[in-house]
Amino acid sequence: YNEESFVFRKVILPDLAVLRIAVYDDNNKLIGQRILPLDGLQAGYRHISLRNEGNKPLSLPTIFCNIVLKTYVPDGFGDIVDALSDPKKFLSITEKRADQMRAMGIETSDIADVPSDTSKNDKKGKANPAKANVTPQSSSELRPTTTAALGSGQEAKKGIELIPQVRIEDLKQMKAYLKHLKKQQKELNSLKKKHAKEHSTMQKLHCTQVDKIVAQYDKEKSTHEKILEKAMKKKGGSNCLEIKKETEIKIQTLTTDHKSKVKEIVAQHTKEWSEMINTHSAEEQEIRDLHLSQQCELLRKLLINAHEQQTQQLKLSHDRESKEMRAHQAKISMENSKAISQDKSIKNKAERERRVRELNSSNTKKFL
């Protein structure tokens, strides 16, 4: 009755697990045994009758034991399970703590969350010595002593810095893009200057042609007027009525011909001017479209370059963080192994090795 309890800290696949109880005498001779499926066990004080090696029931050999069944709680979740099992107690403790802090003039929102040693305290308060000889457990009541130290010694996770989003506005402020815009604007200004020069040349040509027609009209009209004036001086004003009428008819015909020529030349000039304007507009639109496609292509290249730089930056950051994480994980594993090796509550080598294996498995799952 004074022996230590048989403790099974964690049971894998409890539906398939069985518990074998064997009793030997002082000469190491088997008195009786019993094989029980784990899922059929019931908690509490029980009388268990033993059987022989052939699994036949014996009349007298019986053992009296206290069976304690608990749920396995992974390391670090003890506080959550306690709060779920007794929410009123958890809320009362939280409210009491908040009232005490408000009494001291401290608001809970002003205090950052600090890792506490509650898991260690829970372990100390719950790990009561069992009074039975057989105590199969499927819980983590006897967690390694390094769990609380690990929880309190872990560094807070650093917030991941988000890579800034590449925006079109930022790309358009880059030096290469601004230089390209300046070059395109220079080409467009050169084209506009060329078009303005062609406009001026055509305008001068049209004005010259119109002035030439007007000068020819004035010259012919002046000639007819001079002929009439000479005839009037020779023959007198009364004898030159017929010549005067003929001259007026000639001048009228000349004026009509001049107007028709002016209309024709104006129509021709309008057509030439319209064709030139359309040609210039098409050339300007073509170069604008070309510039737009060049801008899109340049923005695409700048975007690809920015993404490549961000990818390289992320890779370097990931390598650095992975290196730091591996070093931190190795440090934690060494500290946990050292704590288990220095734990005086573990008496045999097999239990120590089992603890180390469980700790390594837990760390592997946690780190991955």
Protein backbone atom coordinates (compact mmCIF):
# COMPACT_ATOMS: atom_id res chain seq x y z
CA TYR A 1 0.00 0.00 0.00
CA ASN A 2 2.97 2.28 0.44
CA GLU A 3 4.23 1.71 -3.09
CA GLU A 4 4.12 4.47 -5.66
CA SER A 5 1.21 4.58 -8.06
CA PHE A 6 1.48 3.18 -11.55
CA VAL A 7 1.08 6.22 -13.76
CA PHE A 8 0.50 6.19 -17.50
CA ARG A 9 0.97 9.82 -18.54
CA LYS A 10 -0.35 9.45 -22.07
CA VAL A 11 -2.12 6.58 -23.81
CA ILE A 12 -1.93 6.36 -27.60
CA LEU A 13 -5.00 4.80 -29.27
CA PRO A 14 -6.97 4.08 -26.06
CA ASP A 15 -9.52 2.01 -28.00
CA LEU A 16 -6.81 -0.57 -28.74
CA ALA A 17 -4.85 -0.32 -25.47
CA VAL A 18 -5.09 -2.99 -22.73
CA LEU A 19 -3.91 -3.02 -19.12
CA ARG A 20 -2.26 -6.18 -17.71
CA ILE A 21 -2.17 -6.61 -13.91
CA ALA A 22 0.10 -9.36 -12.57
CA VAL A 23 0.77 -10.31 -8.93
CA TYR A 24 3.86 -12.28 -7.87
CA ASP A 25 4.82 -13.79 -4.51
CA ASP A 26 8.15 -13.39 -2.74
CA ASN A 27 9.65 -16.19 -4.80
CA ASN A 28 8.73 -14.38 -8.02
CA LYS A 29 6.02 -16.91 -8.77
CA LEU A 30 2.91 -15.73 -10.55
CA ILE A 31 -0.13 -15.71 -8.26
CA GLY A 32 -2.57 -14.35 -10.81
CA GLN A 33 -3.06 -11.87 -13.59
CA ARG A 34 -5.77 -9.92 -15.32
CA ILE A 35 -5.88 -8.28 -18.75
CA LEU A 36 -8.40 -5.44 -19.05
CA PRO A 37 -9.24 -3.30 -22.10
CA LEU A 38 -8.63 0.35 -21.37
CA ASP A 39 -11.94 1.56 -22.77
CA GLY A 40 -13.78 -0.72 -20.33
CA LEU A 41 -12.19 0.66 -17.15
CA GLN A 42 -14.31 2.60 -14.66
CA ALA A 43 -12.90 5.12 -12.23
CA GLY A 44 -13.07 4.56 -8.49
CA TYR A 45 -12.21 1.87 -5.95
CA ARG A 46 -12.58 -1.59 -7.50
CA HIS A 47 -12.11 -5.26 -6.61
CA ILE A 48 -10.50 -7.04 -9.53
CA SER A 49 -10.42 -10.83 -9.45
CA LEU A 50 -7.31 -12.42 -10.92
CA ARG A 51 -6.93 -15.29 -13.34
CA ASN A 52 -4.29 -17.91 -13.99
CA GLU A 53 -1.96 -18.16 -16.95
CA GLY A 54 -4.67 -19.87 -18.95
CA ASN A 55 -6.98 -16.92 -18.29
CA LYS A 56 -9.25 -19.02 -16.10
CA PRO A 57 -10.79 -17.30 -13.08
CA LEU A 58 -9.34 -17.95 -9.61
CA SER A 59 -11.58 -18.05 -6.57
CA LEU A 60 -9.58 -16.15 -3.95
CA PRO A 61 -6.85 -13.97 -5.52
CA THR A 62 -8.29 -10.47 -5.80
CA ILE A 63 -6.73 -7.03 -5.75
CA PHE A 64 -8.26 -3.81 -4.45
CA CYS A 65 -7.25 -0.67 -6.32
CA ASN A 66 -8.27 2.88 -7.06
CA ILE A 67 -8.52 3.69 -10.75
CA VAL A 68 -8.21 7.32 -11.79
CA LEU A 69 -9.06 8.25 -15.39
CA LYS A 70 -8.32 11.70 -16.74
CA THR A 71 -8.30 13.43 -20.10
CA TYR A 72 -4.94 14.14 -21.66
CA VAL A 73 -4.32 17.89 -21.98
CA PRO A 74 -1.39 18.98 -24.19
CA ASP A 75 1.23 21.18 -22.63
CA GLY A 76 0.25 24.82 -22.55
CA PHE A 77 -3.53 24.24 -22.62
CA GLY A 78 -4.04 23.64 -18.91
CA ASP A 79 -5.40 27.13 -18.25
CA ILE A 80 -7.91 26.84 -21.10
CA VAL A 81 -9.17 23.46 -19.86
CA ASP A 82 -9.51 24.80 -16.31
CA ALA A 83 -11.49 27.79 -17.55
CA LEU A 84 -13.80 25.55 -19.61
CA SER A 85 -14.33 23.05 -16.79
CA ASP A 86 -15.17 25.74 -14.20
CA PRO A 87 -16.09 29.00 -16.00
CA LYS A 88 -17.67 30.61 -12.92
CA LYS A 89 -14.48 30.28 -10.93
CA PHE A 90 -12.42 31.58 -13.83
CA LEU A 91 -14.70 34.61 -14.31
CA SER A 92 -14.77 35.36 -10.59
CA ILE A 93 -10.97 35.28 -10.41
CA THR A 94 -10.73 37.53 -13.47
CA GLU A 95 -13.26 40.02 -12.11
CA LYS A 96 -11.59 40.04 -8.72
CA ARG A 97 -8.22 40.74 -10.29
CA ALA A 98 -9.72 43.52 -12.44
CA ASP A 99 -11.36 45.11 -9.37
CA GLN A 100 -8.07 45.04 -7.47
CA MET A 101 -6.27 46.66 -10.40
CA ARG A 102 -8.94 49.36 -10.75
CA ALA A 103 -8.65 50.03 -7.02
CA MET A 104 -4.95 50.72 -7.58
CA GLY A 105 -5.77 52.97 -10.56
CA ILE A 106 -4.59 50.53 -13.24
CA GLU A 107 -6.68 49.62 -16.26
CA THR A 108 -6.40 46.13 -17.71
CA SER A 109 -6.20 47.55 -21.23
CA ASP A 110 -2.97 49.37 -20.32
CA ILE A 111 -1.17 46.18 -19.37
CA ALA A 112 0.36 43.95 -22.01
CA ASP A 113 -0.07 40.23 -21.78
CA VAL A 114 2.88 38.70 -19.96
CA PRO A 115 3.56 34.94 -19.93
CA SER A 116 2.75 33.61 -16.50
CA ASP A 117 3.73 30.51 -14.62
CA THR A 118 0.15 29.34 -14.17
CA SER A 119 0.92 26.07 -15.87
CA LYS A 120 3.59 25.37 -13.28
CA ASN A 121 1.26 26.30 -10.43
CA ASP A 122 -1.49 24.13 -11.88
CA LYS A 123 0.93 21.26 -12.11
CA LYS A 124 2.00 21.69 -8.49
CA GLY A 125 -1.59 21.94 -7.30
CA LYS A 126 -2.93 19.01 -9.29
CA ALA A 127 -0.15 16.46 -9.07
CA ASN A 128 -1.40 14.91 -5.84
CA PRO A 129 0.08 11.52 -4.89
CA ALA A 130 -2.30 8.67 -5.67
CA LYS A 131 -3.20 6.16 -2.99
CA ALA A 132 -3.76 3.14 -5.22
CA ASN A 133 -1.34 0.61 -6.59
CA VAL A 134 -2.77 0.79 -10.10
CA THR A 135 -3.51 4.23 -11.61
CA PRO A 136 -3.71 4.18 -15.41
CA GLN A 137 -3.92 7.73 -16.74
CA SER A 138 -4.40 9.26 -20.12
CA SER A 139 -3.70 12.83 -19.09
CA SER A 140 -0.88 15.29 -18.76
CA GLU A 141 -1.21 15.89 -15.04
CA LEU A 142 2.43 14.96 -14.56
CA ARG A 143 3.82 17.20 -17.24
CA PRO A 144 7.57 17.81 -17.50
CA THR A 145 8.79 20.54 -15.21
CA THR A 146 10.28 22.34 -18.16
CA THR A 147 6.89 23.14 -19.72
CA ALA A 148 6.21 26.09 -17.45
CA ALA A 149 9.73 27.33 -17.82
CA LEU A 150 9.40 27.03 -21.56
CA GLY A 151 6.13 28.93 -21.55
CA SER A 152 7.53 31.72 -19.40
CA GLY A 153 10.84 31.92 -21.19
CA GLN A 154 9.63 31.98 -24.74
CA GLU A 155 10.02 35.22 -26.61
CA ALA A 156 6.97 36.87 -28.08
CA LYS A 157 6.55 36.30 -31.77
CA LYS A 158 7.64 39.18 -33.86
CA GLY A 159 5.00 40.67 -36.06
CA ILE A 160 5.55 39.91 -39.70
CA GLU A 161 6.27 43.08 -41.61
CA LEU A 162 4.06 43.19 -44.63
CA ILE A 163 5.75 43.91 -47.93
CA PRO A 164 4.43 47.25 -49.25
CA GLN A 165 2.10 46.93 -52.20
CA VAL A 166 3.55 48.03 -55.52
CA ARG A 167 1.26 50.77 -56.84
CA ILE A 168 1.15 52.29 -60.31
CA GLU A 169 1.61 55.75 -58.79
CA ASP A 170 4.87 54.65 -57.17
CA LEU A 171 6.12 53.13 -60.42
CA LYS A 172 5.33 56.37 -62.26
CA GLN A 173 7.54 58.29 -59.83
CA MET A 174 10.60 56.17 -60.61
CA LYS A 175 13.55 57.83 -62.30
CA ALA A 176 13.52 55.52 -65.34
CA TYR A 177 9.83 56.20 -66.01
CA LEU A 178 10.20 59.97 -65.60
CA LYS A 179 13.20 59.95 -67.94
CA HIS A 180 11.21 58.00 -70.51
CA LEU A 181 8.29 60.44 -70.22
CA LYS A 182 10.67 63.35 -70.75
CA LYS A 183 12.04 61.69 -73.89
CA GLN A 184 8.53 61.04 -75.24
CA GLN A 185 7.46 64.61 -74.52
CA LYS A 186 10.52 65.83 -76.42
CA GLU A 187 9.54 63.68 -79.42
CA LEU A 188 5.96 64.97 -79.27
CA ASN A 189 7.12 68.58 -79.06
CA SER A 190 9.42 68.03 -82.04
CA LEU A 191 6.52 66.61 -84.05
CA LYS A 192 4.27 69.53 -83.08
CA LYS A 193 7.02 71.96 -84.07
CA LYS A 194 7.33 70.23 -87.44
CA HIS A 195 3.57 70.42 -87.96
CA ALA A 196 3.51 74.10 -87.00
CA LYS A 197 6.24 74.76 -89.55
CA GLU A 198 4.25 72.95 -92.25
CA HIS A 199 1.15 74.95 -91.26
CA SER A 200 3.07 78.19 -91.62
CA THR A 201 4.55 77.15 -94.97
CA MET A 202 1.17 76.19 -96.42
CA GLN A 203 -0.44 79.35 -95.08
CA LYS A 204 2.23 81.49 -96.72
CA LEU A 205 1.83 79.58 -99.99
CA HIS A 206 -1.92 80.09 -99.98
CA CYS A 207 -1.59 83.77 -99.19
CA THR A 208 0.93 84.16 -102.01
CA GLN A 209 -1.41 82.49 -104.50
CA VAL A 210 -4.35 84.65 -103.43
CA ASP A 211 -2.24 87.82 -103.54
CA LYS A 212 -1.06 86.88 -107.02
CA ILE A 213 -4.64 86.47 -108.27
CA VAL A 214 -5.68 89.79 -106.71
CA ALA A 215 -2.66 91.55 -108.20
CA GLN A 216 -3.46 90.14 -111.64
CA TYR A 217 -7.07 91.32 -111.31
CA ASP A 218 -5.99 94.79 -110.25
CA LYS A 219 -3.52 94.97 -113.12
CA GLU A 220 -6.05 93.96 -115.78
CA LYS A 221 -8.67 96.32 -114.36
CA SER A 222 -6.17 99.17 -114.30
CA THR A 223 -5.26 98.45 -117.92
CA HIS A 224 -8.88 98.70 -119.06
CA GLU A 225 -9.36 101.93 -117.13
CA LYS A 226 -6.24 103.49 -118.67
CA ILE A 227 -7.41 102.55 -122.18
CA LEU A 228 -10.78 104.19 -121.49
CA GLU A 229 -9.08 107.30 -120.09
CA LYS A 230 -6.86 107.71 -123.18
CA ALA A 231 -9.83 107.30 -125.52
CA MET A 232 -11.79 109.94 -123.65
CA LYS A 233 -8.89 112.40 -123.93
CA LYS A 234 -8.63 111.83 -127.68
CA LYS A 235 -12.26 111.93 -128.73
CA GLY A 236 -13.87 113.76 -125.85
CA GLY A 237 -16.31 112.59 -123.27
CA SER A 238 -19.41 112.83 -125.47
CA ASN A 239 -18.02 110.64 -128.24
CA CYS A 240 -16.76 107.82 -125.94
CA LEU A 241 -20.05 106.45 -124.64
CA GLU A 242 -19.73 103.21 -126.56
CA ILE A 243 -16.13 102.72 -125.49
CA LYS A 244 -17.14 103.43 -121.92
CA LYS A 245 -19.90 100.80 -122.05
CA GLU A 246 -17.52 98.25 -123.58
CA THR A 247 -14.96 98.95 -120.87
CA GLU A 248 -17.56 98.54 -118.11
CA ILE A 249 -18.65 95.22 -119.63
CA LYS A 250 -15.04 94.04 -119.78
CA ILE A 251 -14.42 95.09 -116.17
CA GLN A 252 -17.62 93.32 -115.06
CA THR A 253 -16.57 90.15 -116.89
CA LEU A 254 -13.11 90.43 -115.36
CA THR A 255 -14.61 90.78 -111.88
CA THR A 256 -16.84 87.74 -112.39
CA ASP A 257 -13.88 85.65 -113.60
CA HIS A 258 -11.83 86.86 -110.66
CA LYS A 259 -14.52 85.85 -108.14
CA SER A 260 -14.80 82.38 -109.69
CA LYS A 261 -11.03 81.96 -109.58
CA VAL A 262 -10.95 83.09 -105.95
CA LYS A 263 -13.69 80.60 -105.04
CA GLU A 264 -11.81 77.79 -106.77
CA ILE A 265 -8.51 78.63 -105.11
CA VAL A 266 -10.18 78.99 -101.69
CA ALA A 267 -11.87 75.59 -102.10
CA GLN A 268 -8.55 74.06 -103.15
CA HIS A 269 -6.77 75.68 -100.21
CA THR A 270 -9.48 74.47 -97.80
CA LYS A 271 -9.12 70.92 -99.10
CA GLU A 272 -5.34 70.99 -98.84
CA TRP A 273 -5.53 72.47 -95.34
CA SER A 274 -8.05 69.84 -94.19
CA GLU A 275 -5.93 67.02 -95.61
CA MET A 276 -2.86 68.39 -93.88
CA ILE A 277 -4.72 68.77 -90.55
CA ASN A 278 -6.03 65.18 -90.81
CA THR A 279 -2.57 63.89 -91.64
CA HIS A 280 -1.02 65.75 -88.73
CA SER A 281 -3.74 64.56 -86.34
CA ALA A 282 -3.22 60.96 -87.46
CA GLU A 283 0.55 61.25 -87.01
CA GLU A 284 0.11 62.79 -83.55
CA GLN A 285 -2.40 60.11 -82.51
CA GLU A 286 -0.09 57.40 -83.82
CA ILE A 287 2.86 58.67 -81.82
CA ARG A 288 0.67 59.05 -78.73
CA ASP A 289 -0.48 55.42 -79.08
CA LEU A 290 3.13 54.36 -79.53
CA HIS A 291 4.14 56.31 -76.43
CA LEU A 292 1.28 54.76 -74.44
CA SER A 293 2.31 51.22 -75.41
CA GLN A 294 5.92 52.05 -74.53
CA GLN A 295 4.80 53.38 -71.15
CA CYS A 296 2.80 50.21 -70.44
CA GLU A 297 5.75 48.03 -71.41
CA LEU A 298 8.10 50.06 -69.23
CA LEU A 299 5.68 49.88 -66.28
CA ARG A 300 5.44 46.11 -66.74
CA LYS A 301 9.23 45.79 -66.67
CA LEU A 302 9.45 48.03 -63.60
CA LEU A 303 6.74 45.96 -61.89
CA ILE A 304 8.56 42.71 -62.64
CA ASN A 305 11.78 44.23 -61.34
CA ALA A 306 10.05 45.43 -58.16
CA HIS A 307 8.52 41.98 -57.61
CA GLU A 308 11.91 40.33 -58.09
CA GLN A 309 13.42 42.68 -55.53
CA GLN A 310 10.61 41.94 -53.07
CA THR A 311 11.00 38.20 -53.65
CA GLN A 312 14.73 38.47 -52.97
CA GLN A 313 14.01 40.52 -49.86
CA LEU A 314 11.47 37.96 -48.64
CA LYS A 315 13.92 35.13 -49.28
CA LEU A 316 16.65 36.85 -47.29
CA SER A 317 14.21 37.62 -44.48
CA HIS A 318 12.93 34.03 -44.49
CA ASP A 319 16.46 32.61 -44.37
CA ARG A 320 17.36 34.91 -41.50
CA GLU A 321 14.21 34.09 -39.53
CA SER A 322 14.62 30.36 -40.21
CA LYS A 323 18.17 30.50 -38.91
CA GLU A 324 17.07 32.36 -35.78
CA MET A 325 14.17 29.96 -35.26
CA ARG A 326 16.39 26.88 -35.60
CA ALA A 327 18.84 28.33 -33.11
CA HIS A 328 15.98 29.15 -30.73
CA GLN A 329 14.48 25.68 -31.12
CA ALA A 330 17.83 24.02 -30.49
CA LYS A 331 18.27 26.14 -27.37
CA ILE A 332 14.79 25.20 -26.09
CA SER A 333 15.39 21.50 -26.76
CA MET A 334 18.71 21.60 -24.91
CA GLU A 335 17.15 23.42 -21.95
CA ASN A 336 14.26 20.96 -21.79
CA SER A 337 16.57 17.95 -22.00
CA LYS A 338 18.77 19.43 -19.31
CA ALA A 339 15.76 20.09 -17.08
CA ILE A 340 14.57 16.48 -17.49
CA SER A 341 18.03 15.13 -16.73
CA GLN A 342 18.12 17.22 -13.53
CA ASP A 343 14.57 16.31 -12.46
CA LYS A 344 14.92 14.36 -9.22
CA SER A 345 11.34 13.05 -9.37
CA ILE A 346 12.33 10.75 -12.25
CA LYS A 347 14.03 7.77 -10.62
CA ASN A 348 14.83 5.31 -13.40
CA LYS A 349 16.59 5.68 -16.73
CA ALA A 350 13.71 4.29 -18.81
CA GLU A 351 11.29 6.93 -17.50
CA ARG A 352 13.85 9.66 -18.22
CA GLU A 353 14.39 8.42 -21.78
CA ARG A 354 10.63 8.20 -22.31
CA ARG A 355 10.22 11.78 -21.10
CA VAL A 356 12.94 12.92 -23.49
CA ARG A 357 11.27 11.12 -26.41
CA GLU A 358 7.89 12.65 -25.59
CA LEU A 359 9.45 16.08 -25.27
CA ASN A 360 11.24 15.73 -28.60
CA SER A 361 8.01 14.59 -30.27
CA SER A 362 6.09 17.50 -28.74
CA ASN A 363 8.76 20.00 -29.81
CA THR A 364 8.79 18.58 -33.32
CA LYS A 365 5.02 19.00 -33.68
CA LYS A 366 5.17 22.47 -32.15
CA PHE A 367 8.04 23.68 -34.33
CA LEU A 368 6.61 22.22 -37.53
